[in-house]
Structures are given as C-alpha cells and as structure tokens.
Amino acid sequence: MADGRDRTLVEKCQRGDRDAYAELVRLHAARVYTVCLGMAGNAADAEDLAQEALVAGFTNILSLKDPDKFGHWIAAIAANLSRNFLRTRANRERLLAARVDRPANEPERFSGLRRALQKLPEQHRLPLLLYYFDDRSTASIAATLGISADAVYMRLSRARGELRKLLEKMEAHNEARNES
C-alpha cells in the first residue's frame, strides 16, 4: 500500500505483534480470496485455500524482505497454494463435479457467466477475475502473477474474447433447446 501501512504492520508482525497480522488479514483477505476463487473455481475451496494462504503468510512473515510488497507476496502464496491444490487428481475430479452445481442462492442469469468463467483456462480466468472483480490494476496483477503488464493486457484481451465466444455458444444452445 502506498501509505506505508503494510510496511508498519509487517514490521510489527515480524517483531511478534499478532494483532498487526490480524490487521494485514483484514486489509488483504479479499484479494487473497479472489485469487483463490479465480483458480479453484468454487467458493468452498477458495475459502479453504484463502485461509491456508493467510496462515502460511503468518508462519513465513519473517522471510518477507520488502514489507511494502506484502499484498503481492500474500497473493502469490495464494496462487501457489491454489496451483498445488489443482494438481492433485482427486481434487480435480471434485472440482469438475462442483462446477456443475449452481449454488442455491445464485441468480440464474449469473449461472451462465459463472460456468463460462470456469471454462476459461486459468491463465486467462485469473487476470480477468482480478481485474474486474477485485478492481486490481494491470501492474498489480502482473506483480502477483509474475508476468509483464503487456502479458496481462494480452491475457485480458484473450480472456474477454474467449468469454464472449463461450457465452454466445451457451446462449445459442439455450435458444435451440427452448425451441425444441
């Protein structure tokens, strides 16, 4: 954060102040959750992964060399944990099954968008979610993902194009089904 709040809180935490870490969690939990949701594809797994990432951040806070980079550092931890989660076969099968189910409280009009987003490859889905749903800048996304800002622009452009095609295909399928 530009105001130095992260630096102050990280330094306090590195000296053993647990309340300082609680404040860091309050400031960055939404970003961590968004990263996890973008990669895991469902809220339940994202919540578990976000909690695991925040705990890992606490246990590894002494290894953070630049306290001003806490937000990027904790988001990178979340991304790495999410990638590891997705690598296991059992979890992949569980994720595929979970993608079919629409949460009971989700409006129908968002169901198609959610399904289309989940069909995007991770490298396109995650920047899209961070940009539009976490209101992150391309520079921030680039730092989190370890890619250039140009690569973020390219992935966002491709993701929007793929998403548009998926939504059009889903709409055409629904229209054909309704006509039958």
N, C-alpha and C. Protein backbone atom coordinates (compact mmCIF):
# COMPACT_ATOMS: atom_id res chain seq x y z
N MET A 1 0.84 -1.19 0.00
CA MET A 1 0.00 0.00 0.00
C MET A 1 0.88 1.24 0.00
N ALA A 2 0.47 2.22 -0.72
CA ALA A 2 1.28 3.42 -0.90
C ALA A 2 1.44 4.22 0.39
N ASP A 3 0.50 4.09 1.31
CA ASP A 3 0.57 4.90 2.52
C ASP A 3 1.52 4.33 3.58
N GLY A 4 2.18 3.23 3.31
CA GLY A 4 3.14 2.65 4.24
C GLY A 4 2.52 1.81 5.34
N ARG A 5 1.21 1.65 5.29
CA ARG A 5 0.53 0.88 6.32
C ARG A 5 1.01 -0.57 6.35
N ASP A 6 1.18 -1.17 5.17
CA ASP A 6 1.66 -2.55 5.12
C ASP A 6 3.04 -2.66 5.77
N ARG A 7 3.93 -1.74 5.41
CA ARG A 7 5.29 -1.78 5.96
C ARG A 7 5.25 -1.77 7.49
N THR A 8 4.51 -0.84 8.04
CA THR A 8 4.43 -0.71 9.50
C THR A 8 3.86 -1.98 10.13
N LEU A 9 2.79 -2.50 9.55
CA LEU A 9 2.17 -3.70 10.10
C LEU A 9 3.07 -4.93 9.97
N VAL A 10 3.73 -5.07 8.83
CA VAL A 10 4.63 -6.21 8.65
C VAL A 10 5.78 -6.14 9.64
N GLU A 11 6.36 -4.96 9.80
CA GLU A 11 7.47 -4.82 10.74
C GLU A 11 7.03 -5.15 12.17
N LYS A 12 5.84 -4.72 12.55
CA LYS A 12 5.31 -5.05 13.88
C LYS A 12 5.11 -6.57 14.00
N CYS A 13 4.56 -7.15 12.95
CA CYS A 13 4.32 -8.59 12.95
C CYS A 13 5.63 -9.36 13.05
N GLN A 14 6.64 -8.91 12.34
CA GLN A 14 7.95 -9.57 12.38
C GLN A 14 8.59 -9.47 13.76
N ARG A 15 8.13 -8.51 14.54
CA ARG A 15 8.60 -8.39 15.93
C ARG A 15 7.69 -9.14 16.90
N GLY A 16 6.68 -9.86 16.37
CA GLY A 16 5.84 -10.70 17.21
C GLY A 16 4.46 -10.17 17.52
N ASP A 17 4.06 -9.09 16.94
CA ASP A 17 2.75 -8.49 17.20
C ASP A 17 1.68 -9.20 16.36
N ARG A 18 0.92 -10.08 17.00
CA ARG A 18 -0.12 -10.84 16.29
C ARG A 18 -1.28 -9.95 15.85
N ASP A 19 -1.56 -8.92 16.60
CA ASP A 19 -2.64 -8.00 16.22
C ASP A 19 -2.31 -7.31 14.89
N ALA A 20 -1.04 -7.07 14.65
CA ALA A 20 -0.64 -6.45 13.39
C ALA A 20 -0.96 -7.38 12.23
N TYR A 21 -0.75 -8.68 12.42
CA TYR A 21 -1.08 -9.61 11.34
C TYR A 21 -2.59 -9.68 11.13
N ALA A 22 -3.34 -9.60 12.19
CA ALA A 22 -4.80 -9.59 12.06
C ALA A 22 -5.25 -8.40 11.20
N GLU A 23 -4.60 -7.27 11.35
CA GLU A 23 -4.92 -6.09 10.53
C GLU A 23 -4.51 -6.32 9.08
N LEU A 24 -3.37 -6.96 8.85
CA LEU A 24 -2.96 -7.30 7.49
C LEU A 24 -3.99 -8.22 6.83
N VAL A 25 -4.48 -9.17 7.59
CA VAL A 25 -5.51 -10.08 7.07
C VAL A 25 -6.75 -9.28 6.69
N ARG A 26 -7.16 -8.37 7.56
CA ARG A 26 -8.34 -7.56 7.27
C ARG A 26 -8.16 -6.77 5.97
N LEU A 27 -6.97 -6.25 5.76
CA LEU A 27 -6.69 -5.44 4.58
C LEU A 27 -6.57 -6.25 3.28
N HIS A 28 -6.13 -7.51 3.39
CA HIS A 28 -5.79 -8.27 2.18
C HIS A 28 -6.60 -9.55 1.98
N ALA A 29 -7.49 -9.87 2.87
CA ALA A 29 -8.24 -11.13 2.76
C ALA A 29 -9.07 -11.20 1.47
N ALA A 30 -9.67 -10.10 1.07
CA ALA A 30 -10.49 -10.12 -0.15
C ALA A 30 -9.64 -10.42 -1.38
N ARG A 31 -8.46 -9.85 -1.45
CA ARG A 31 -7.56 -10.10 -2.59
C ARG A 31 -7.15 -11.57 -2.61
N VAL A 32 -6.80 -12.10 -1.45
CA VAL A 32 -6.38 -13.50 -1.36
C VAL A 32 -7.53 -14.41 -1.79
N TYR A 33 -8.72 -14.13 -1.30
CA TYR A 33 -9.89 -14.93 -1.66
C TYR A 33 -10.15 -14.87 -3.16
N THR A 34 -10.04 -13.69 -3.76
CA THR A 34 -10.28 -13.55 -5.19
C THR A 34 -9.30 -14.38 -6.00
N VAL A 35 -8.04 -14.36 -5.62
CA VAL A 35 -7.04 -15.19 -6.30
C VAL A 35 -7.43 -16.66 -6.21
N CYS A 36 -7.78 -17.09 -5.02
CA CYS A 36 -8.14 -18.50 -4.81
C CYS A 36 -9.41 -18.87 -5.57
N LEU A 37 -10.39 -18.00 -5.55
CA LEU A 37 -11.63 -18.26 -6.27
C LEU A 37 -11.38 -18.34 -7.77
N GLY A 38 -10.56 -17.45 -8.27
CA GLY A 38 -10.25 -17.46 -9.69
C GLY A 38 -9.57 -18.75 -10.14
N MET A 39 -8.84 -19.34 -9.25
CA MET A 39 -8.12 -20.55 -9.63
C MET A 39 -8.91 -21.82 -9.27
N ALA A 40 -9.53 -21.83 -8.11
CA ALA A 40 -10.23 -23.03 -7.66
C ALA A 40 -11.58 -23.20 -8.35
N GLY A 41 -12.24 -22.09 -8.62
CA GLY A 41 -13.50 -22.15 -9.35
C GLY A 41 -14.73 -22.32 -8.49
N ASN A 42 -14.58 -22.49 -7.19
CA ASN A 42 -15.78 -22.55 -6.35
C ASN A 42 -15.48 -21.96 -4.98
N ALA A 43 -16.52 -21.44 -4.36
CA ALA A 43 -16.37 -20.67 -3.12
C ALA A 43 -15.83 -21.50 -1.96
N ALA A 44 -16.29 -22.73 -1.82
CA ALA A 44 -15.87 -23.54 -0.67
C ALA A 44 -14.36 -23.80 -0.70
N ASP A 45 -13.85 -24.21 -1.85
CA ASP A 45 -12.41 -24.45 -1.96
C ASP A 45 -11.64 -23.15 -1.85
N ALA A 46 -12.17 -22.08 -2.41
CA ALA A 46 -11.49 -20.78 -2.33
C ALA A 46 -11.36 -20.32 -0.89
N GLU A 47 -12.39 -20.53 -0.09
CA GLU A 47 -12.32 -20.14 1.32
C GLU A 47 -11.24 -20.93 2.05
N ASP A 48 -11.19 -22.24 1.80
CA ASP A 48 -10.16 -23.08 2.43
C ASP A 48 -8.76 -22.65 2.01
N LEU A 49 -8.59 -22.43 0.71
CA LEU A 49 -7.28 -22.04 0.20
C LEU A 49 -6.86 -20.66 0.71
N ALA A 50 -7.81 -19.74 0.78
CA ALA A 50 -7.50 -18.40 1.29
C ALA A 50 -7.05 -18.47 2.74
N GLN A 51 -7.75 -19.26 3.52
CA GLN A 51 -7.37 -19.41 4.93
C GLN A 51 -5.98 -20.03 5.04
N GLU A 52 -5.72 -21.04 4.23
CA GLU A 52 -4.40 -21.68 4.24
C GLU A 52 -3.31 -20.69 3.83
N ALA A 53 -3.59 -19.85 2.84
CA ALA A 53 -2.62 -18.86 2.39
C ALA A 53 -2.33 -17.83 3.48
N LEU A 54 -3.37 -17.40 4.16
CA LEU A 54 -3.17 -16.41 5.22
C LEU A 54 -2.39 -16.99 6.40
N VAL A 55 -2.63 -18.26 6.71
CA VAL A 55 -1.86 -18.92 7.76
C VAL A 55 -0.40 -19.06 7.32
N ALA A 56 -0.19 -19.45 6.06
CA ALA A 56 1.17 -19.57 5.53
C ALA A 56 1.88 -18.22 5.57
N GLY A 57 1.16 -17.16 5.28
CA GLY A 57 1.75 -15.83 5.36
C GLY A 57 2.21 -15.50 6.76
N PHE A 58 1.39 -15.87 7.73
CA PHE A 58 1.76 -15.61 9.13
C PHE A 58 3.00 -16.40 9.53
N THR A 59 3.04 -17.67 9.15
CA THR A 59 4.16 -18.50 9.56
C THR A 59 5.46 -18.17 8.82
N ASN A 60 5.33 -17.52 7.66
CA ASN A 60 6.51 -17.19 6.86
C ASN A 60 6.81 -15.70 6.80
N ILE A 61 6.19 -14.91 7.66
CA ILE A 61 6.32 -13.45 7.59
C ILE A 61 7.77 -12.99 7.74
N LEU A 62 8.56 -13.74 8.45
CA LEU A 62 9.97 -13.34 8.63
C LEU A 62 10.76 -13.43 7.33
N SER A 63 10.29 -14.21 6.39
CA SER A 63 11.01 -14.35 5.11
C SER A 63 10.69 -13.21 4.14
N LEU A 64 9.72 -12.39 4.45
CA LEU A 64 9.35 -11.27 3.58
C LEU A 64 10.41 -10.17 3.72
N LYS A 65 11.12 -9.93 2.63
CA LYS A 65 12.22 -8.97 2.66
C LYS A 65 11.75 -7.52 2.47
N ASP A 66 10.72 -7.31 1.66
CA ASP A 66 10.23 -5.96 1.39
C ASP A 66 8.81 -5.83 1.94
N PRO A 67 8.66 -5.29 3.14
CA PRO A 67 7.34 -5.18 3.76
C PRO A 67 6.31 -4.43 2.93
N ASP A 68 6.75 -3.54 2.04
CA ASP A 68 5.80 -2.81 1.19
C ASP A 68 5.14 -3.72 0.17
N LYS A 69 5.70 -4.89 -0.06
CA LYS A 69 5.19 -5.83 -1.07
C LYS A 69 4.31 -6.92 -0.47
N PHE A 70 3.83 -6.72 0.75
CA PHE A 70 3.04 -7.76 1.41
C PHE A 70 1.86 -8.21 0.57
N GLY A 71 1.10 -7.28 -0.01
CA GLY A 71 -0.08 -7.63 -0.79
C GLY A 71 0.25 -8.55 -1.96
N HIS A 72 1.31 -8.23 -2.69
CA HIS A 72 1.73 -9.08 -3.81
C HIS A 72 2.25 -10.42 -3.30
N TRP A 73 2.98 -10.38 -2.20
CA TRP A 73 3.58 -11.59 -1.62
C TRP A 73 2.49 -12.56 -1.16
N ILE A 74 1.49 -12.07 -0.45
CA ILE A 74 0.44 -12.96 0.06
C ILE A 74 -0.44 -13.46 -1.08
N ALA A 75 -0.65 -12.64 -2.11
CA ALA A 75 -1.41 -13.09 -3.28
C ALA A 75 -0.64 -14.18 -4.03
N ALA A 76 0.67 -14.05 -4.10
CA ALA A 76 1.49 -15.08 -4.75
C ALA A 76 1.44 -16.39 -3.96
N ILE A 77 1.43 -16.30 -2.65
CA ILE A 77 1.28 -17.51 -1.82
C ILE A 77 -0.05 -18.17 -2.13
N ALA A 78 -1.10 -17.36 -2.21
CA ALA A 78 -2.44 -17.90 -2.51
C ALA A 78 -2.45 -18.56 -3.88
N ALA A 79 -1.84 -17.94 -4.86
CA ALA A 79 -1.79 -18.50 -6.21
C ALA A 79 -1.03 -19.83 -6.22
N ASN A 80 0.10 -19.87 -5.53
CA ASN A 80 0.89 -21.11 -5.48
C ASN A 80 0.14 -22.24 -4.77
N LEU A 81 -0.50 -21.92 -3.66
CA LEU A 81 -1.28 -22.94 -2.96
C LEU A 81 -2.43 -23.44 -3.83
N SER A 82 -3.05 -22.53 -4.55
CA SER A 82 -4.16 -22.91 -5.43
C SER A 82 -3.67 -23.80 -6.56
N ARG A 83 -2.53 -23.47 -7.14
CA ARG A 83 -1.97 -24.31 -8.20
C ARG A 83 -1.68 -25.72 -7.68
N ASN A 84 -1.08 -25.79 -6.50
CA ASN A 84 -0.79 -27.10 -5.91
C ASN A 84 -2.07 -27.90 -5.67
N PHE A 85 -3.08 -27.20 -5.21
CA PHE A 85 -4.37 -27.83 -4.96
C PHE A 85 -4.93 -28.45 -6.24
N LEU A 86 -4.83 -27.70 -7.33
CA LEU A 86 -5.40 -28.15 -8.60
C LEU A 86 -4.60 -29.29 -9.23
N ARG A 87 -3.38 -29.49 -8.82
CA ARG A 87 -2.53 -30.52 -9.43
C ARG A 87 -2.93 -31.93 -9.03
N THR A 88 -3.58 -32.08 -7.92
CA THR A 88 -3.91 -33.44 -7.49
C THR A 88 -5.12 -33.96 -8.24
N ARG A 89 -5.07 -35.19 -8.58
CA ARG A 89 -6.14 -35.80 -9.37
C ARG A 89 -7.47 -35.83 -8.64
N ALA A 90 -7.46 -36.21 -7.40
CA ALA A 90 -8.71 -36.30 -6.64
C ALA A 90 -9.39 -34.93 -6.56
N ASN A 91 -8.62 -33.90 -6.32
CA ASN A 91 -9.20 -32.58 -6.22
C ASN A 91 -9.72 -32.09 -7.56
N ARG A 92 -9.04 -32.44 -8.64
CA ARG A 92 -9.54 -32.05 -9.96
C ARG A 92 -10.89 -32.68 -10.23
N GLU A 93 -11.05 -33.93 -9.89
CA GLU A 93 -12.33 -34.60 -10.10
C GLU A 93 -13.42 -33.94 -9.26
N ARG A 94 -13.10 -33.60 -8.04
CA ARG A 94 -14.07 -32.94 -7.16
C ARG A 94 -14.44 -31.57 -7.71
N LEU A 95 -13.45 -30.84 -8.24
CA LEU A 95 -13.73 -29.53 -8.83
C LEU A 95 -14.66 -29.64 -10.03
N LEU A 96 -14.42 -30.61 -10.89
CA LEU A 96 -15.26 -30.78 -12.06
C LEU A 96 -16.70 -31.06 -11.66
N ALA A 97 -16.88 -31.88 -10.64
CA ALA A 97 -18.23 -32.18 -10.17
C ALA A 97 -18.88 -30.93 -9.56
N ALA A 98 -18.11 -30.14 -8.84
CA ALA A 98 -18.65 -28.94 -8.20
C ALA A 98 -19.03 -27.87 -9.22
N ARG A 99 -18.40 -27.85 -10.37
CA ARG A 99 -18.68 -26.84 -11.39
C ARG A 99 -20.08 -27.00 -11.97
N VAL A 100 -20.61 -28.19 -11.91
CA VAL A 100 -21.92 -28.44 -12.49
C VAL A 100 -23.03 -27.87 -11.61
N ASP A 101 -22.82 -27.88 -10.32
CA ASP A 101 -23.85 -27.45 -9.37
C ASP A 101 -23.88 -25.94 -9.25
N ARG A 102 -25.08 -25.38 -9.35
CA ARG A 102 -25.28 -23.94 -9.16
C ARG A 102 -25.63 -23.72 -7.69
N PRO A 103 -24.94 -22.81 -7.01
CA PRO A 103 -25.33 -22.51 -5.63
C PRO A 103 -26.80 -22.10 -5.56
N ALA A 104 -27.48 -22.51 -4.51
CA ALA A 104 -28.91 -22.29 -4.38
C ALA A 104 -29.28 -20.81 -4.43
N ASN A 105 -28.41 -19.94 -3.91
CA ASN A 105 -28.74 -18.52 -3.85
C ASN A 105 -28.23 -17.73 -5.05
N GLU A 106 -27.69 -18.41 -6.06
CA GLU A 106 -27.16 -17.71 -7.24
C GLU A 106 -28.28 -17.46 -8.25
N PRO A 107 -28.46 -16.20 -8.66
CA PRO A 107 -29.48 -15.93 -9.67
C PRO A 107 -29.15 -16.67 -10.97
N GLU A 108 -30.16 -17.11 -11.66
CA GLU A 108 -29.97 -17.88 -12.89
C GLU A 108 -29.14 -17.13 -13.92
N ARG A 109 -29.32 -15.81 -14.01
CA ARG A 109 -28.59 -15.05 -15.04
C ARG A 109 -27.08 -15.07 -14.80
N PHE A 110 -26.64 -15.30 -13.55
CA PHE A 110 -25.21 -15.36 -13.27
C PHE A 110 -24.66 -16.76 -13.43
N SER A 111 -25.54 -17.73 -13.45
CA SER A 111 -25.10 -19.12 -13.56
C SER A 111 -24.32 -19.35 -14.85
N GLY A 112 -24.82 -18.82 -15.97
CA GLY A 112 -24.14 -18.98 -17.25
C GLY A 112 -22.78 -18.30 -17.25
N LEU A 113 -22.72 -17.11 -16.67
CA LEU A 113 -21.45 -16.40 -16.58
C LEU A 113 -20.45 -17.20 -15.74
N ARG A 114 -20.91 -17.71 -14.60
CA ARG A 114 -20.03 -18.49 -13.73
C ARG A 114 -19.51 -19.71 -14.47
N ARG A 115 -20.40 -20.42 -15.17
CA ARG A 115 -19.97 -21.62 -15.91
C ARG A 115 -18.98 -21.25 -17.02
N ALA A 116 -19.25 -20.15 -17.71
CA ALA A 116 -18.34 -19.72 -18.78
C ALA A 116 -16.98 -19.33 -18.21
N LEU A 117 -16.97 -18.61 -17.10
CA LEU A 117 -15.70 -18.24 -16.47
C LEU A 117 -14.90 -19.47 -16.08
N GLN A 118 -15.57 -20.48 -15.58
CA GLN A 118 -14.88 -21.69 -15.15
C GLN A 118 -14.30 -22.47 -16.32
N LYS A 119 -14.83 -22.26 -17.51
CA LYS A 119 -14.31 -22.94 -18.69
C LYS A 119 -13.06 -22.27 -19.25
N LEU A 120 -12.83 -21.04 -18.84
CA LEU A 120 -11.62 -20.35 -19.30
C LEU A 120 -10.39 -21.01 -18.70
N PRO A 121 -9.29 -21.05 -19.43
CA PRO A 121 -8.05 -21.56 -18.85
C PRO A 121 -7.62 -20.66 -17.69
N GLU A 122 -6.97 -21.23 -16.70
CA GLU A 122 -6.55 -20.49 -15.52
C GLU A 122 -5.77 -19.24 -15.88
N GLN A 123 -4.90 -19.32 -16.87
CA GLN A 123 -4.06 -18.17 -17.22
C GLN A 123 -4.88 -16.99 -17.75
N HIS A 124 -6.10 -17.25 -18.20
CA HIS A 124 -6.97 -16.17 -18.64
C HIS A 124 -8.01 -15.82 -17.58
N ARG A 125 -8.53 -16.82 -16.89
CA ARG A 125 -9.57 -16.60 -15.88
C ARG A 125 -9.06 -15.74 -14.72
N LEU A 126 -7.87 -16.05 -14.21
CA LEU A 126 -7.38 -15.35 -13.02
C LEU A 126 -7.16 -13.85 -13.27
N PRO A 127 -6.47 -13.44 -14.34
CA PRO A 127 -6.34 -11.99 -14.57
C PRO A 127 -7.69 -11.30 -14.75
N LEU A 128 -8.63 -11.98 -15.41
CA LEU A 128 -9.95 -11.41 -15.62
C LEU A 128 -10.66 -11.18 -14.29
N LEU A 129 -10.63 -12.15 -13.41
CA LEU A 129 -11.27 -12.00 -12.10
C LEU A 129 -10.60 -10.92 -11.26
N LEU A 130 -9.27 -10.91 -11.28
CA LEU A 130 -8.56 -9.89 -10.50
C LEU A 130 -8.86 -8.49 -11.02
N TYR A 131 -8.95 -8.34 -12.32
CA TYR A 131 -9.17 -7.02 -12.92
C TYR A 131 -10.59 -6.52 -12.69
N TYR A 132 -11.58 -7.38 -12.96
CA TYR A 132 -12.96 -6.93 -12.91
C TYR A 132 -13.63 -7.10 -11.54
N PHE A 133 -13.24 -8.12 -10.79
CA PHE A 133 -13.95 -8.38 -9.54
C PHE A 133 -13.16 -7.96 -8.31
N ASP A 134 -11.84 -7.81 -8.45
CA ASP A 134 -11.03 -7.34 -7.32
C ASP A 134 -10.52 -5.93 -7.59
N ASP A 135 -10.89 -5.35 -8.75
CA ASP A 135 -10.54 -3.99 -9.12
C ASP A 135 -9.04 -3.72 -9.03
N ARG A 136 -8.27 -4.70 -9.49
CA ARG A 136 -6.81 -4.59 -9.45
C ARG A 136 -6.30 -3.96 -10.74
N SER A 137 -5.21 -3.24 -10.64
CA SER A 137 -4.57 -2.65 -11.81
C SER A 137 -3.79 -3.72 -12.56
N THR A 138 -3.48 -3.44 -13.81
CA THR A 138 -2.69 -4.41 -14.57
C THR A 138 -1.30 -4.57 -13.98
N ALA A 139 -0.73 -3.50 -13.44
CA ALA A 139 0.59 -3.60 -12.80
C ALA A 139 0.52 -4.50 -11.58
N SER A 140 -0.53 -4.37 -10.80
CA SER A 140 -0.69 -5.21 -9.61
C SER A 140 -0.89 -6.68 -10.00
N ILE A 141 -1.67 -6.91 -11.02
CA ILE A 141 -1.90 -8.28 -11.49
C ILE A 141 -0.58 -8.86 -12.01
N ALA A 142 0.17 -8.06 -12.75
CA ALA A 142 1.46 -8.52 -13.27
C ALA A 142 2.40 -8.93 -12.15
N ALA A 143 2.46 -8.12 -11.10
CA ALA A 143 3.33 -8.43 -9.97
C ALA A 143 2.87 -9.70 -9.26
N THR A 144 1.57 -9.86 -9.09
CA THR A 144 1.03 -11.04 -8.41
C THR A 144 1.32 -12.31 -9.19
N LEU A 145 1.16 -12.24 -10.51
CA LEU A 145 1.32 -13.44 -11.34
C LEU A 145 2.75 -13.63 -11.84
N GLY A 146 3.60 -12.65 -11.62
CA GLY A 146 4.98 -12.77 -12.05
C GLY A 146 5.14 -12.67 -13.57
N ILE A 147 4.31 -11.84 -14.20
CA ILE A 147 4.37 -11.63 -15.66
C ILE A 147 4.43 -10.14 -15.93
N SER A 148 4.66 -9.78 -17.18
CA SER A 148 4.73 -8.36 -17.53
C SER A 148 3.33 -7.77 -17.65
N ALA A 149 3.26 -6.45 -17.57
CA ALA A 149 1.97 -5.75 -17.75
C ALA A 149 1.43 -6.00 -19.15
N ASP A 150 2.32 -6.08 -20.15
CA ASP A 150 1.88 -6.38 -21.51
C ASP A 150 1.24 -7.76 -21.58
N ALA A 151 1.79 -8.71 -20.85
CA ALA A 151 1.22 -10.06 -20.83
C ALA A 151 -0.16 -10.04 -20.18
N VAL A 152 -0.34 -9.20 -19.16
CA VAL A 152 -1.65 -9.08 -18.52
C VAL A 152 -2.66 -8.53 -19.53
N TYR A 153 -2.28 -7.47 -20.26
CA TYR A 153 -3.18 -6.91 -21.27
C TYR A 153 -3.56 -7.98 -22.31
N MET A 154 -2.57 -8.75 -22.73
CA MET A 154 -2.83 -9.78 -23.74
C MET A 154 -3.77 -10.85 -23.19
N ARG A 155 -3.53 -11.27 -21.94
CA ARG A 155 -4.39 -12.30 -21.35
C ARG A 155 -5.80 -11.78 -21.13
N LEU A 156 -5.93 -10.52 -20.72
CA LEU A 156 -7.27 -9.94 -20.54
C LEU A 156 -8.01 -9.89 -21.88
N SER A 157 -7.32 -9.48 -22.91
CA SER A 157 -7.94 -9.40 -24.23
C SER A 157 -8.39 -10.79 -24.70
N ARG A 158 -7.53 -11.76 -24.56
CA ARG A 158 -7.88 -13.12 -24.96
C ARG A 158 -9.01 -13.68 -24.11
N ALA A 159 -8.96 -13.39 -22.81
CA ALA A 159 -10.00 -13.89 -21.90
C ALA A 159 -11.36 -13.30 -22.27
N ARG A 160 -11.40 -12.00 -22.56
CA ARG A 160 -12.67 -11.38 -22.96
C ARG A 160 -13.20 -12.01 -24.24
N GLY A 161 -12.31 -12.25 -25.20
CA GLY A 161 -12.73 -12.88 -26.46
C GLY A 161 -13.24 -14.29 -26.24
N GLU A 162 -12.52 -15.07 -25.45
CA GLU A 162 -12.95 -16.44 -25.17
C GLU A 162 -14.26 -16.45 -24.41
N LEU A 163 -14.39 -15.55 -23.44
CA LEU A 163 -15.62 -15.47 -22.65
C LEU A 163 -16.81 -15.10 -23.53
N ARG A 164 -16.61 -14.15 -24.42
CA ARG A 164 -17.68 -13.75 -25.34
C ARG A 164 -18.12 -14.95 -26.19
N LYS A 165 -17.16 -15.70 -26.74
CA LYS A 165 -17.49 -16.87 -27.56
C LYS A 165 -18.23 -17.93 -26.75
N LEU A 166 -17.77 -18.17 -25.52
CA LEU A 166 -18.43 -19.16 -24.67
C LEU A 166 -19.86 -18.76 -24.36
N LEU A 167 -20.07 -17.49 -24.03
CA LEU A 167 -21.41 -17.01 -23.69
C LEU A 167 -22.33 -17.07 -24.92
N GLU A 168 -21.81 -16.71 -26.09
CA GLU A 168 -22.62 -16.79 -27.31
C GLU A 168 -22.99 -18.24 -27.62
N LYS A 169 -22.04 -19.13 -27.43
CA LYS A 169 -22.29 -20.55 -27.67
C LYS A 169 -23.34 -21.09 -26.69
N MET A 170 -23.22 -20.69 -25.43
CA MET A 170 -24.19 -21.13 -24.42
C MET A 170 -25.57 -20.57 -24.72
N GLU A 171 -25.64 -19.32 -25.15
CA GLU A 171 -26.91 -18.68 -25.47
C GLU A 171 -27.56 -19.38 -26.67
N ALA A 172 -26.78 -19.68 -27.70
CA ALA A 172 -27.31 -20.37 -28.88
C ALA A 172 -27.82 -21.77 -28.50
N HIS A 173 -27.09 -22.43 -27.62
CA HIS A 173 -27.52 -23.75 -27.16
C HIS A 173 -28.83 -23.66 -26.40
N ASN A 174 -28.95 -22.66 -25.53
CA ASN A 174 -30.18 -22.48 -24.76
C ASN A 174 -31.36 -22.14 -25.65
N GLU A 175 -31.14 -21.31 -26.68
CA GLU A 175 -32.21 -20.96 -27.61
C GLU A 175 -32.67 -22.18 -28.39
N ALA A 176 -31.71 -22.99 -28.83
CA ALA A 176 -32.05 -24.20 -29.58
C ALA A 176 -32.84 -25.17 -28.69
N ARG A 177 -32.46 -25.26 -27.46
CA ARG A 177 -33.13 -26.15 -26.52
C ARG A 177 -34.55 -25.65 -26.24
N ASN A 178 -34.71 -24.33 -26.13
CA ASN A 178 -36.04 -23.76 -25.86
C ASN A 178 -36.97 -23.90 -27.05
N GLU A 179 -36.42 -23.93 -28.27
CA GLU A 179 -37.24 -24.08 -29.46
C GLU A 179 -37.72 -25.52 -29.64
N SER A 180 -37.03 -26.45 -29.02
CA SER A 180 -37.40 -27.88 -29.18
C SER A 180 -38.65 -28.23 -28.42
